[in-house]
Amino acid sequence: MSIDTLPALPTLSLPAELTIYTAGETRAAWLAWLAAEPTDAASDGRCTVHAAAVDQVDAAGVQLLVALSHTLARQQRRLQLLDPSTPLCVACEALGAAALLAGSTSDPSAAEARRSAANPAAPANAPAAGQANPEVA
């Protein structure tokens, strides 16, 4: 995990491994990032987190993201994941935390690839799990 410094705006990059084994050091880095992140960094309150590098994630990693999102919400800010990886998206959706992906930025073809990876038997135009099929009466 790294904190890159762009002109006046620190950006958080998620580690390749976002699991119970890295939860302690990840949390400590996030707390440092939150302390350095100016509350008025973006006029709309977005805090962008690079998420493309995540290749291993478990429930503890998703729980950390939920906690980060809640912390930001208490500060009238919101989490925006930049290019969330397929493993991260699949884990968030499987664990009921798909709301973390709302507003994330990613390539539309990558989103389709994630849907296919999550449910390879479903056709591309099939409704996602939990959504009603409008063709069924």
N, C-alpha and C. Protein backbone atom coordinates (compact mmCIF):
# COMPACT_ATOMS: atom_id res chain seq x y z
N MET A 1 0.85 -1.16 0.00
CA MET A 1 0.00 0.00 0.00
C MET A 1 0.89 1.22 0.00
N SER A 2 0.43 2.24 -0.70
CA SER A 2 1.21 3.47 -0.73
C SER A 2 0.30 4.67 -0.68
N ILE A 3 0.86 5.73 -0.17
CA ILE A 3 0.17 7.00 -0.21
C ILE A 3 0.98 7.86 -1.16
N ASP A 4 0.43 8.12 -2.33
CA ASP A 4 1.10 8.94 -3.33
C ASP A 4 0.71 10.38 -3.09
N THR A 5 1.62 11.27 -3.33
CA THR A 5 1.30 12.67 -3.15
C THR A 5 1.18 13.33 -4.51
N LEU A 6 -0.02 13.72 -4.84
CA LEU A 6 -0.29 14.51 -6.02
C LEU A 6 -0.26 15.95 -5.56
N PRO A 7 -0.33 16.91 -6.45
CA PRO A 7 -0.30 18.30 -6.01
C PRO A 7 -1.35 18.60 -4.94
N ALA A 8 -0.93 18.65 -3.70
CA ALA A 8 -1.74 19.04 -2.55
C ALA A 8 -2.84 18.06 -2.18
N LEU A 9 -2.91 16.90 -2.82
CA LEU A 9 -3.99 15.97 -2.50
C LEU A 9 -3.45 14.55 -2.38
N PRO A 10 -3.32 14.03 -1.15
CA PRO A 10 -2.83 12.67 -1.00
C PRO A 10 -3.87 11.69 -1.53
N THR A 11 -3.38 10.64 -2.20
CA THR A 11 -4.27 9.63 -2.77
C THR A 11 -3.90 8.29 -2.19
N LEU A 12 -4.88 7.56 -1.74
CA LEU A 12 -4.66 6.25 -1.16
C LEU A 12 -4.73 5.20 -2.26
N SER A 13 -3.79 4.25 -2.23
CA SER A 13 -3.82 3.11 -3.12
C SER A 13 -3.96 1.86 -2.27
N LEU A 14 -4.96 1.05 -2.60
CA LEU A 14 -5.17 -0.18 -1.84
C LEU A 14 -4.05 -1.17 -2.14
N PRO A 15 -3.72 -2.02 -1.16
CA PRO A 15 -2.67 -3.01 -1.37
C PRO A 15 -3.17 -4.17 -2.23
N ALA A 16 -2.25 -4.98 -2.73
CA ALA A 16 -2.62 -6.16 -3.50
C ALA A 16 -3.37 -7.14 -2.61
N GLU A 17 -2.98 -7.23 -1.35
CA GLU A 17 -3.64 -8.14 -0.40
C GLU A 17 -4.41 -7.32 0.61
N LEU A 18 -5.73 -7.44 0.55
CA LEU A 18 -6.62 -6.73 1.47
C LEU A 18 -7.36 -7.81 2.27
N THR A 19 -6.64 -8.39 3.24
CA THR A 19 -7.16 -9.55 3.98
C THR A 19 -6.93 -9.37 5.48
N ILE A 20 -7.36 -10.36 6.23
CA ILE A 20 -7.18 -10.36 7.68
C ILE A 20 -5.70 -10.26 8.03
N TYR A 21 -4.83 -10.78 7.16
CA TYR A 21 -3.40 -10.78 7.44
C TYR A 21 -2.77 -9.39 7.30
N THR A 22 -3.41 -8.51 6.56
CA THR A 22 -2.88 -7.17 6.36
C THR A 22 -3.76 -6.09 7.01
N ALA A 23 -4.80 -6.51 7.71
CA ALA A 23 -5.77 -5.56 8.25
C ALA A 23 -5.15 -4.54 9.19
N GLY A 24 -4.26 -4.96 10.07
CA GLY A 24 -3.66 -4.04 11.04
C GLY A 24 -2.84 -2.95 10.38
N GLU A 25 -1.94 -3.34 9.48
CA GLU A 25 -1.10 -2.32 8.82
C GLU A 25 -1.91 -1.48 7.85
N THR A 26 -2.92 -2.07 7.22
CA THR A 26 -3.77 -1.32 6.30
C THR A 26 -4.55 -0.26 7.06
N ARG A 27 -5.12 -0.65 8.18
CA ARG A 27 -5.89 0.30 9.00
C ARG A 27 -5.01 1.46 9.45
N ALA A 28 -3.80 1.16 9.90
CA ALA A 28 -2.88 2.21 10.36
C ALA A 28 -2.56 3.19 9.22
N ALA A 29 -2.33 2.66 8.03
CA ALA A 29 -2.04 3.53 6.88
C ALA A 29 -3.26 4.38 6.52
N TRP A 30 -4.45 3.80 6.61
CA TRP A 30 -5.67 4.55 6.30
C TRP A 30 -5.89 5.66 7.30
N LEU A 31 -5.62 5.39 8.59
CA LEU A 31 -5.78 6.43 9.60
C LEU A 31 -4.82 7.60 9.34
N ALA A 32 -3.60 7.28 8.92
CA ALA A 32 -2.64 8.34 8.58
C ALA A 32 -3.14 9.11 7.36
N TRP A 33 -3.70 8.40 6.38
CA TRP A 33 -4.23 9.06 5.19
C TRP A 33 -5.39 9.98 5.55
N LEU A 34 -6.29 9.50 6.41
CA LEU A 34 -7.42 10.33 6.82
C LEU A 34 -6.95 11.60 7.54
N ALA A 35 -5.91 11.47 8.33
CA ALA A 35 -5.39 12.63 9.05
C ALA A 35 -4.77 13.64 8.08
N ALA A 36 -4.18 13.15 6.99
CA ALA A 36 -3.52 14.03 6.02
C ALA A 36 -4.48 14.57 4.97
N GLU A 37 -5.59 13.89 4.76
CA GLU A 37 -6.55 14.25 3.71
C GLU A 37 -7.30 15.51 4.13
N PRO A 38 -7.17 16.60 3.38
CA PRO A 38 -7.93 17.81 3.72
C PRO A 38 -9.42 17.57 3.56
N THR A 39 -10.21 18.03 4.51
CA THR A 39 -11.65 17.79 4.46
C THR A 39 -12.31 18.51 3.30
N ASP A 40 -11.67 19.53 2.77
CA ASP A 40 -12.25 20.24 1.63
C ASP A 40 -11.51 19.91 0.34
N ALA A 41 -10.91 18.71 0.28
CA ALA A 41 -10.07 18.32 -0.86
C ALA A 41 -10.82 18.37 -2.18
N ALA A 42 -12.04 17.93 -2.18
CA ALA A 42 -12.85 17.97 -3.40
C ALA A 42 -14.14 18.68 -3.06
N SER A 43 -14.59 19.52 -3.94
CA SER A 43 -15.78 20.31 -3.65
C SER A 43 -16.99 19.43 -3.40
N ASP A 44 -17.03 18.25 -3.98
CA ASP A 44 -18.17 17.36 -3.78
C ASP A 44 -17.94 16.35 -2.66
N GLY A 45 -16.83 16.42 -1.95
CA GLY A 45 -16.57 15.55 -0.81
C GLY A 45 -16.03 14.18 -1.15
N ARG A 46 -15.67 13.95 -2.41
CA ARG A 46 -15.14 12.64 -2.81
C ARG A 46 -13.72 12.43 -2.31
N CYS A 47 -13.45 11.23 -1.84
CA CYS A 47 -12.10 10.81 -1.50
C CYS A 47 -11.79 9.61 -2.38
N THR A 48 -10.92 9.81 -3.34
CA THR A 48 -10.62 8.78 -4.33
C THR A 48 -9.58 7.81 -3.80
N VAL A 49 -9.86 6.54 -3.97
CA VAL A 49 -8.97 5.47 -3.53
C VAL A 49 -8.71 4.57 -4.73
N HIS A 50 -7.45 4.41 -5.09
CA HIS A 50 -7.08 3.52 -6.20
C HIS A 50 -7.24 2.07 -5.75
N ALA A 51 -8.02 1.30 -6.50
CA ALA A 51 -8.35 -0.06 -6.08
C ALA A 51 -8.00 -1.11 -7.12
N ALA A 52 -7.25 -0.76 -8.14
CA ALA A 52 -6.95 -1.70 -9.22
C ALA A 52 -5.99 -2.80 -8.81
N ALA A 53 -5.13 -2.56 -7.83
CA ALA A 53 -4.08 -3.52 -7.47
C ALA A 53 -4.58 -4.68 -6.62
N VAL A 54 -5.77 -4.59 -6.07
CA VAL A 54 -6.26 -5.63 -5.16
C VAL A 54 -6.46 -6.93 -5.92
N ASP A 55 -5.69 -7.97 -5.50
CA ASP A 55 -5.89 -9.28 -6.12
C ASP A 55 -6.30 -10.34 -5.11
N GLN A 56 -6.22 -10.01 -3.82
CA GLN A 56 -6.70 -10.90 -2.77
C GLN A 56 -7.51 -10.07 -1.80
N VAL A 57 -8.72 -10.53 -1.51
CA VAL A 57 -9.56 -9.79 -0.57
C VAL A 57 -10.45 -10.79 0.16
N ASP A 58 -10.67 -10.55 1.43
CA ASP A 58 -11.58 -11.39 2.21
C ASP A 58 -12.55 -10.49 2.97
N ALA A 59 -13.34 -11.09 3.84
CA ALA A 59 -14.36 -10.34 4.57
C ALA A 59 -13.74 -9.24 5.43
N ALA A 60 -12.57 -9.49 6.00
CA ALA A 60 -11.91 -8.46 6.81
C ALA A 60 -11.52 -7.25 5.96
N GLY A 61 -11.07 -7.50 4.74
CA GLY A 61 -10.73 -6.40 3.84
C GLY A 61 -11.94 -5.58 3.45
N VAL A 62 -13.04 -6.26 3.16
CA VAL A 62 -14.28 -5.56 2.82
C VAL A 62 -14.77 -4.78 4.05
N GLN A 63 -14.64 -5.38 5.23
CA GLN A 63 -15.05 -4.70 6.45
C GLN A 63 -14.25 -3.42 6.66
N LEU A 64 -12.96 -3.45 6.35
CA LEU A 64 -12.15 -2.23 6.45
C LEU A 64 -12.66 -1.15 5.50
N LEU A 65 -13.02 -1.55 4.29
CA LEU A 65 -13.56 -0.57 3.34
C LEU A 65 -14.88 0.02 3.83
N VAL A 66 -15.73 -0.83 4.41
CA VAL A 66 -17.00 -0.34 4.96
C VAL A 66 -16.73 0.65 6.09
N ALA A 67 -15.77 0.32 6.96
CA ALA A 67 -15.43 1.23 8.07
C ALA A 67 -14.88 2.56 7.53
N LEU A 68 -14.05 2.49 6.50
CA LEU A 68 -13.52 3.72 5.89
C LEU A 68 -14.66 4.55 5.31
N SER A 69 -15.56 3.90 4.62
CA SER A 69 -16.70 4.59 4.04
C SER A 69 -17.55 5.27 5.11
N HIS A 70 -17.79 4.58 6.22
CA HIS A 70 -18.58 5.16 7.31
C HIS A 70 -17.86 6.33 7.97
N THR A 71 -16.55 6.20 8.14
CA THR A 71 -15.76 7.30 8.72
C THR A 71 -15.85 8.53 7.83
N LEU A 72 -15.71 8.33 6.53
CA LEU A 72 -15.81 9.46 5.61
C LEU A 72 -17.21 10.07 5.63
N ALA A 73 -18.24 9.23 5.71
CA ALA A 73 -19.62 9.73 5.74
C ALA A 73 -19.85 10.62 6.96
N ARG A 74 -19.26 10.26 8.09
CA ARG A 74 -19.40 11.10 9.29
C ARG A 74 -18.75 12.46 9.10
N GLN A 75 -17.84 12.55 8.14
CA GLN A 75 -17.17 13.82 7.83
C GLN A 75 -17.79 14.50 6.62
N GLN A 76 -18.98 14.06 6.23
CA GLN A 76 -19.68 14.57 5.04
C GLN A 76 -18.84 14.40 3.77
N ARG A 77 -18.13 13.27 3.70
CA ARG A 77 -17.35 12.94 2.51
C ARG A 77 -17.76 11.54 2.07
N ARG A 78 -17.32 11.15 0.88
CA ARG A 78 -17.67 9.81 0.41
C ARG A 78 -16.49 9.16 -0.29
N LEU A 79 -16.49 7.85 -0.20
CA LEU A 79 -15.46 7.02 -0.80
C LEU A 79 -15.75 6.81 -2.27
N GLN A 80 -14.75 7.00 -3.11
CA GLN A 80 -14.89 6.68 -4.53
C GLN A 80 -13.72 5.77 -4.90
N LEU A 81 -14.05 4.55 -5.28
CA LEU A 81 -13.02 3.60 -5.69
C LEU A 81 -12.68 3.82 -7.15
N LEU A 82 -11.41 3.94 -7.44
CA LEU A 82 -10.94 4.15 -8.80
C LEU A 82 -10.48 2.81 -9.36
N ASP A 83 -11.11 2.36 -10.43
CA ASP A 83 -10.80 1.08 -11.09
C ASP A 83 -10.75 -0.09 -10.11
N PRO A 84 -11.85 -0.37 -9.41
CA PRO A 84 -11.82 -1.52 -8.50
C PRO A 84 -11.54 -2.81 -9.27
N SER A 85 -10.67 -3.64 -8.72
CA SER A 85 -10.29 -4.89 -9.38
C SER A 85 -11.46 -5.88 -9.37
N THR A 86 -11.36 -6.87 -10.24
CA THR A 86 -12.39 -7.91 -10.29
C THR A 86 -12.53 -8.63 -8.95
N PRO A 87 -11.42 -9.07 -8.30
CA PRO A 87 -11.60 -9.73 -7.00
C PRO A 87 -12.28 -8.85 -5.96
N LEU A 88 -11.96 -7.56 -5.97
CA LEU A 88 -12.59 -6.65 -5.01
C LEU A 88 -14.08 -6.51 -5.30
N CYS A 89 -14.45 -6.35 -6.55
CA CYS A 89 -15.86 -6.21 -6.91
C CYS A 89 -16.64 -7.48 -6.57
N VAL A 90 -16.08 -8.62 -6.90
CA VAL A 90 -16.75 -9.89 -6.62
C VAL A 90 -16.95 -10.06 -5.12
N ALA A 91 -15.91 -9.73 -4.32
CA ALA A 91 -16.02 -9.86 -2.87
C ALA A 91 -17.07 -8.91 -2.30
N CYS A 92 -17.07 -7.67 -2.75
CA CYS A 92 -18.05 -6.70 -2.25
C CYS A 92 -19.47 -7.15 -2.58
N GLU A 93 -19.67 -7.62 -3.80
CA GLU A 93 -21.00 -8.07 -4.20
C GLU A 93 -21.41 -9.32 -3.42
N ALA A 94 -20.49 -10.26 -3.23
CA ALA A 94 -20.80 -11.51 -2.52
C ALA A 94 -21.10 -11.27 -1.04
N LEU A 95 -20.48 -10.24 -0.46
CA LEU A 95 -20.63 -9.97 0.98
C LEU A 95 -21.68 -8.90 1.27
N GLY A 96 -22.44 -8.51 0.25
CA GLY A 96 -23.51 -7.55 0.47
C GLY A 96 -23.02 -6.12 0.62
N ALA A 97 -21.84 -5.83 0.11
CA ALA A 97 -21.29 -4.49 0.23
C ALA A 97 -21.13 -3.83 -1.14
N ALA A 98 -22.01 -4.18 -2.06
CA ALA A 98 -21.93 -3.63 -3.41
C ALA A 98 -22.10 -2.12 -3.42
N ALA A 99 -22.71 -1.55 -2.38
CA ALA A 99 -22.86 -0.09 -2.30
C ALA A 99 -21.51 0.61 -2.31
N LEU A 100 -20.45 -0.08 -1.88
CA LEU A 100 -19.12 0.51 -1.92
C LEU A 100 -18.68 0.78 -3.36
N LEU A 101 -19.26 0.02 -4.30
CA LEU A 101 -18.88 0.16 -5.70
C LEU A 101 -19.65 1.27 -6.40
N ALA A 102 -20.73 1.73 -5.78
CA ALA A 102 -21.53 2.80 -6.38
C ALA A 102 -20.66 4.05 -6.52
N GLY A 103 -20.65 4.59 -7.70
CA GLY A 103 -19.85 5.79 -7.94
C GLY A 103 -18.40 5.50 -8.22
N SER A 104 -18.04 4.20 -8.25
CA SER A 104 -16.65 3.88 -8.57
C SER A 104 -16.41 4.17 -10.05
N THR A 105 -15.18 4.42 -10.37
CA THR A 105 -14.85 4.68 -11.76
C THR A 105 -14.10 3.49 -12.31
N SER A 106 -14.56 2.99 -13.44
CA SER A 106 -13.89 1.88 -14.08
C SER A 106 -14.27 1.80 -15.54
N ASP A 107 -13.52 1.05 -16.26
CA ASP A 107 -13.77 0.81 -17.67
C ASP A 107 -15.02 -0.06 -17.80
N PRO A 108 -16.02 0.32 -18.63
CA PRO A 108 -17.24 -0.47 -18.77
C PRO A 108 -16.97 -1.92 -19.18
N SER A 109 -15.96 -2.17 -20.00
CA SER A 109 -15.68 -3.55 -20.40
C SER A 109 -15.15 -4.34 -19.21
N ALA A 110 -14.45 -3.67 -18.29
CA ALA A 110 -13.98 -4.34 -17.09
C ALA A 110 -15.15 -4.71 -16.20
N ALA A 111 -16.16 -3.86 -16.14
CA ALA A 111 -17.35 -4.17 -15.34
C ALA A 111 -18.06 -5.40 -15.89
N GLU A 112 -18.15 -5.51 -17.20
CA GLU A 112 -18.78 -6.69 -17.81
C GLU A 112 -17.97 -7.94 -17.51
N ALA A 113 -16.65 -7.82 -17.56
CA ALA A 113 -15.78 -8.96 -17.25
C ALA A 113 -15.98 -9.41 -15.81
N ARG A 114 -16.16 -8.44 -14.89
CA ARG A 114 -16.41 -8.79 -13.48
C ARG A 114 -17.72 -9.54 -13.33
N ARG A 115 -18.76 -9.07 -14.03
CA ARG A 115 -20.05 -9.76 -13.94
C ARG A 115 -19.92 -11.18 -14.46
N SER A 116 -19.21 -11.35 -15.53
CA SER A 116 -19.02 -12.69 -16.10
C SER A 116 -18.24 -13.58 -15.16
N ALA A 117 -17.21 -13.02 -14.52
CA ALA A 117 -16.41 -13.80 -13.58
C ALA A 117 -17.22 -14.19 -12.35
N ALA A 118 -18.11 -13.31 -11.93
CA ALA A 118 -18.92 -13.58 -10.74
C ALA A 118 -19.99 -14.62 -11.01
N ASN A 119 -20.51 -14.67 -12.24
CA ASN A 119 -21.58 -15.60 -12.56
C ASN A 119 -21.40 -16.07 -14.01
N PRO A 120 -20.47 -16.99 -14.25
CA PRO A 120 -20.15 -17.38 -15.62
C PRO A 120 -21.30 -18.05 -16.36
N ALA A 121 -22.27 -18.61 -15.68
CA ALA A 121 -23.37 -19.30 -16.34
C ALA A 121 -24.45 -18.35 -16.82
N ALA A 122 -24.50 -17.14 -16.28
CA ALA A 122 -25.55 -16.19 -16.64
C ALA A 122 -25.23 -15.48 -17.94
N PRO A 123 -26.22 -15.31 -18.82
CA PRO A 123 -25.98 -14.53 -20.03
C PRO A 123 -25.72 -13.06 -19.67
N ALA A 124 -25.04 -12.35 -20.55
CA ALA A 124 -24.64 -10.98 -20.28
C ALA A 124 -25.81 -10.06 -19.98
N ASN A 125 -26.99 -10.33 -20.58
CA ASN A 125 -28.14 -9.45 -20.37
C ASN A 125 -29.06 -9.94 -19.26
N ALA A 126 -28.66 -10.95 -18.52
CA ALA A 126 -29.48 -11.47 -17.42
C ALA A 126 -29.43 -10.50 -16.26
N PRO A 127 -30.53 -10.41 -15.49
CA PRO A 127 -30.51 -9.52 -14.32
C PRO A 127 -29.52 -10.04 -13.28
N ALA A 128 -28.93 -9.14 -12.53
CA ALA A 128 -27.99 -9.53 -11.48
C ALA A 128 -28.75 -10.23 -10.38
N ALA A 129 -28.03 -10.96 -9.56
CA ALA A 129 -28.65 -11.67 -8.44
C ALA A 129 -29.42 -10.68 -7.58
N GLY A 130 -30.61 -11.05 -7.21
CA GLY A 130 -31.44 -10.20 -6.36
C GLY A 130 -32.28 -9.20 -7.12
N GLN A 131 -32.13 -9.10 -8.44
CA GLN A 131 -32.91 -8.18 -9.23
C GLN A 131 -34.03 -8.96 -9.92
N ALA A 132 -35.18 -8.33 -10.04
CA ALA A 132 -36.30 -8.96 -10.70
C ALA A 132 -36.09 -9.00 -12.20
N ASN A 133 -36.56 -10.05 -12.81
CA ASN A 133 -36.49 -10.17 -14.26
C ASN A 133 -37.76 -9.58 -14.82
N PRO A 134 -37.67 -8.50 -15.61
CA PRO A 134 -38.88 -7.84 -16.12
C PRO A 134 -39.66 -8.70 -17.10
N GLU A 135 -39.04 -9.75 -17.66
CA GLU A 135 -39.74 -10.60 -18.62
C GLU A 135 -40.58 -11.66 -17.93
N VAL A 136 -40.39 -11.86 -16.63
CA VAL A 136 -41.14 -12.87 -15.90
C VAL A 136 -42.37 -12.21 -15.30
N ALA A 137 -43.53 -12.78 -15.58
CA ALA A 137 -44.77 -12.18 -15.07
C ALA A 137 -45.10 -12.67 -13.70
